[in-house]
Amino acid sequence: MRKEEANPTELGSAENCNHRTIYKYIYLEGARSCQLVMGVTHLHPGSSWNTLPAHTHDRRTEIYMYFNLPENARVIHLMGAPDETRHLIMANRMLSLPPYGQSCGCGYASL
């Protein structure tokens, strides 16, 4: 499926530094799968990637892939049980497949 065929959904706001468009590819009304859902997030200018508010996943796993990030950009994931987190610092072209309950993170770039 090409980007032009994906379902764009705008979320967040500039005020909260998380204005983004998620292009949905694999989902109930798009390319169908019995277990997989996939989308690509594009940030709007001035926004940083984040998963706030923090939330938990007891029955599913999220996979994060980062590409086209600037050399100095990083994304910090907080994973694990809320009372026992593990931290993962991600850069361009990195993949995360964490077995976690909590999902919380934010991206940044140094100037």
C-alpha atoms as a PDB file:
ATOM      1  CA  MET A   1       0.000   0.000   0.000  1.00  0.00           C
ATOM      2  CA  ARG A   2       1.350   3.427  -0.908  1.00  0.00           C
ATOM      3  CA  LYS A   3       1.260   6.412   1.455  1.00  0.00           C
ATOM      4  CA  GLU A   4      -1.438   8.018  -0.719  1.00  0.00           C
ATOM      5  CA  GLU A   5      -3.682   5.003  -0.014  1.00  0.00           C
ATOM      6  CA  ALA A   6      -3.132   5.005   3.768  1.00  0.00           C
ATOM      7  CA  ASN A   7      -5.662   6.552   6.160  1.00  0.00           C
ATOM      8  CA  PRO A   8      -4.142   9.713   7.724  1.00  0.00           C
ATOM      9  CA  THR A   9      -5.288  10.557  11.242  1.00  0.00           C
ATOM     10  CA  GLU A  10      -4.144  13.752  12.982  1.00  0.00           C
ATOM     11  CA  LEU A  11      -3.554  13.579  16.725  1.00  0.00           C
ATOM     12  CA  GLY A  12      -2.082  15.756  19.460  1.00  0.00           C
ATOM     13  CA  SER A  13      -1.498  19.476  19.423  1.00  0.00           C
ATOM     14  CA  ALA A  14       1.258  22.052  18.996  1.00  0.00           C
ATOM     15  CA  GLU A  15       0.576  23.238  22.565  1.00  0.00           C
ATOM     16  CA  ASN A  16       1.495  19.787  23.896  1.00  0.00           C
ATOM     17  CA  CYS A  17       4.470  19.380  21.531  1.00  0.00           C
ATOM     18  CA  ASN A  18       2.980  16.199  20.014  1.00  0.00           C
ATOM     19  CA  HIS A  19       1.109  17.257  16.847  1.00  0.00           C
ATOM     20  CA  ARG A  20       1.412  14.300  14.465  1.00  0.00           C
ATOM     21  CA  THR A  21      -0.224  12.459  11.611  1.00  0.00           C
ATOM     22  CA  ILE A  22      -0.445   8.676  11.800  1.00  0.00           C
ATOM     23  CA  TYR A  23      -0.778   7.000   8.409  1.00  0.00           C
ATOM     24  CA  LYS A  24      -2.683   3.764   9.025  1.00  0.00           C
ATOM     25  CA  TYR A  25      -1.758   0.919   6.670  1.00  0.00           C
ATOM     26  CA  ILE A  26      -2.719  -2.399   8.247  1.00  0.00           C
ATOM     27  CA  TYR A  27      -5.979  -2.095  10.186  1.00  0.00           C
ATOM     28  CA  LEU A  28      -9.627  -3.128   9.995  1.00  0.00           C
ATOM     29  CA  GLU A  29     -10.639  -0.708   7.208  1.00  0.00           C
ATOM     30  CA  GLY A  30      -7.281  -0.855   5.325  1.00  0.00           C
ATOM     31  CA  ALA A  31      -5.022  -3.777   4.479  1.00  0.00           C
ATOM     32  CA  ARG A  32      -6.542  -6.433   6.738  1.00  0.00           C
ATOM     33  CA  SER A  33      -4.786  -8.775   9.126  1.00  0.00           C
ATOM     34  CA  CYS A  34      -6.195 -10.965  11.878  1.00  0.00           C
ATOM     35  CA  GLN A  35      -3.538  -9.885  14.421  1.00  0.00           C
ATOM     36  CA  LEU A  36      -1.300  -7.125  13.039  1.00  0.00           C
ATOM     37  CA  VAL A  37      -1.922  -3.367  13.046  1.00  0.00           C
ATOM     38  CA  MET A  38       0.625  -1.004  11.453  1.00  0.00           C
ATOM     39  CA  GLY A  39       0.942   2.719  10.968  1.00  0.00           C
ATOM     40  CA  VAL A  40       3.675   5.291  10.396  1.00  0.00           C
ATOM     41  CA  THR A  41       3.849   8.452  12.499  1.00  0.00           C
ATOM     42  CA  HIS A  42       4.945  11.749  10.914  1.00  0.00           C
ATOM     43  CA  LEU A  43       5.647  14.585  13.356  1.00  0.00           C
ATOM     44  CA  HIS A  44       4.597  18.142  12.590  1.00  0.00           C
ATOM     45  CA  PRO A  45       7.222  20.928  12.902  1.00  0.00           C
ATOM     46  CA  GLY A  46       8.005  21.806  16.517  1.00  0.00           C
ATOM     47  CA  SER A  47       6.709  18.493  17.877  1.00  0.00           C
ATOM     48  CA  SER A  48       8.587  15.612  19.457  1.00  0.00           C
ATOM     49  CA  TRP A  49       7.567  11.983  19.460  1.00  0.00           C
ATOM     50  CA  ASN A  50       6.085  10.871  22.751  1.00  0.00           C
ATOM     51  CA  THR A  51       3.698   8.301  24.148  1.00  0.00           C
ATOM     52  CA  LEU A  52       2.332  10.481  26.903  1.00  0.00           C
ATOM     53  CA  PRO A  53       0.330   9.902  28.895  1.00  0.00           C
ATOM     54  CA  ALA A  54       2.037   6.703  29.983  1.00  0.00           C
ATOM     55  CA  HIS A  55      -0.090   3.618  29.468  1.00  0.00           C
ATOM     56  CA  THR A  56       0.176  -0.151  29.756  1.00  0.00           C
ATOM     57  CA  HIS A  57      -0.263  -3.058  27.346  1.00  0.00           C
ATOM     58  CA  ASP A  58      -1.126  -6.364  28.919  1.00  0.00           C
ATOM     59  CA  ARG A  59      -2.231  -8.231  25.783  1.00  0.00           C
ATOM     60  CA  ARG A  60      -0.139  -6.842  22.929  1.00  0.00           C
ATOM     61  CA  THR A  61       3.377  -5.885  21.931  1.00  0.00           C
ATOM     62  CA  GLU A  62       4.337  -2.691  20.151  1.00  0.00           C
ATOM     63  CA  ILE A  63       7.349  -2.644  17.851  1.00  0.00           C
ATOM     64  CA  TYR A  64       9.085   0.686  17.254  1.00  0.00           C
ATOM     65  CA  MET A  65      11.313   1.291  14.232  1.00  0.00           C
ATOM     66  CA  TYR A  66      13.080   4.607  13.766  1.00  0.00           C
ATOM     67  CA  PHE A  67      14.359   5.862  10.437  1.00  0.00           C
ATOM     68  CA  ASN A  68      15.297   9.198   8.890  1.00  0.00           C
ATOM     69  CA  LEU A  69      16.201  10.592  12.312  1.00  0.00           C
ATOM     70  CA  PRO A  70      18.951  13.228  12.446  1.00  0.00           C
ATOM     71  CA  GLU A  71      22.337  11.976  13.644  1.00  0.00           C
ATOM     72  CA  ASN A  72      21.920  13.779  16.994  1.00  0.00           C
ATOM     73  CA  ALA A  73      18.317  12.628  17.667  1.00  0.00           C
ATOM     74  CA  ARG A  74      17.410  10.068  20.322  1.00  0.00           C
ATOM     75  CA  VAL A  75      14.200   8.483  21.594  1.00  0.00           C
ATOM     76  CA  ILE A  76      14.029   7.327  25.199  1.00  0.00           C
ATOM     77  CA  HIS A  77      11.683   4.445  26.054  1.00  0.00           C
ATOM     78  CA  LEU A  78      10.627   3.670  29.614  1.00  0.00           C
ATOM     79  CA  MET A  79       9.563   0.028  29.715  1.00  0.00           C
ATOM     80  CA  GLY A  80       8.629  -2.616  32.213  1.00  0.00           C
ATOM     81  CA  ALA A  81       6.277  -2.703  35.149  1.00  0.00           C
ATOM     82  CA  PRO A  82       5.474   0.826  36.397  1.00  0.00           C
ATOM     83  CA  ASP A  83       7.298   0.140  39.680  1.00  0.00           C
ATOM     84  CA  GLU A  84      10.353  -1.424  37.971  1.00  0.00           C
ATOM     85  CA  THR A  85      11.175   0.330  34.691  1.00  0.00           C
ATOM     86  CA  ARG A  86      13.953  -0.341  32.221  1.00  0.00           C
ATOM     87  CA  HIS A  87      15.232   2.422  29.980  1.00  0.00           C
ATOM     88  CA  LEU A  88      16.236   2.122  26.326  1.00  0.00           C
ATOM     89  CA  ILE A  89      17.860   4.920  24.308  1.00  0.00           C
ATOM     90  CA  MET A  90      17.210   4.604  20.576  1.00  0.00           C
ATOM     91  CA  ALA A  91      18.866   6.272  17.562  1.00  0.00           C
ATOM     92  CA  ASN A  92      18.312   6.251  13.805  1.00  0.00           C
ATOM     93  CA  ARG A  93      17.774   2.836  12.201  1.00  0.00           C
ATOM     94  CA  MET A  94      17.151   1.081  15.512  1.00  0.00           C
ATOM     95  CA  LEU A  95      14.363  -1.392  16.287  1.00  0.00           C
ATOM     96  CA  SER A  96      12.717  -2.041  19.640  1.00  0.00           C
ATOM     97  CA  LEU A  97      10.624  -5.134  20.390  1.00  0.00           C
ATOM     98  CA  PRO A  98      10.274  -4.857  24.150  1.00  0.00           C
ATOM     99  CA  PRO A  99       8.284  -7.306  26.268  1.00  0.00           C
ATOM    100  CA  TYR A 100       6.849  -4.663  28.559  1.00  0.00           C
ATOM    101  CA  GLY A 101       3.723  -3.617  30.322  1.00  0.00           C
ATOM    102  CA  GLN A 102       4.269   0.140  30.516  1.00  0.00           C
ATOM    103  CA  SER A 103       4.644   2.294  27.419  1.00  0.00           C
ATOM    104  CA  CYS A 104       6.093   5.750  27.853  1.00  0.00           C
ATOM    105  CA  GLY A 105       8.743   7.676  25.972  1.00  0.00           C
ATOM    106  CA  CYS A 106       9.818  10.899  24.327  1.00  0.00           C
ATOM    107  CA  GLY A 107      12.163  11.907  21.509  1.00  0.00           C
ATOM    108  CA  TYR A 108      14.677  14.744  21.398  1.00  0.00           C
ATOM    109  CA  ALA A 109      17.500  16.175  19.296  1.00  0.00           C
ATOM    110  CA  SER A 110      20.486  18.148  20.560  1.00  0.00           C
ATOM    111  CA  LEU A 111      21.394  21.370  18.774  1.00  0.00           C
END
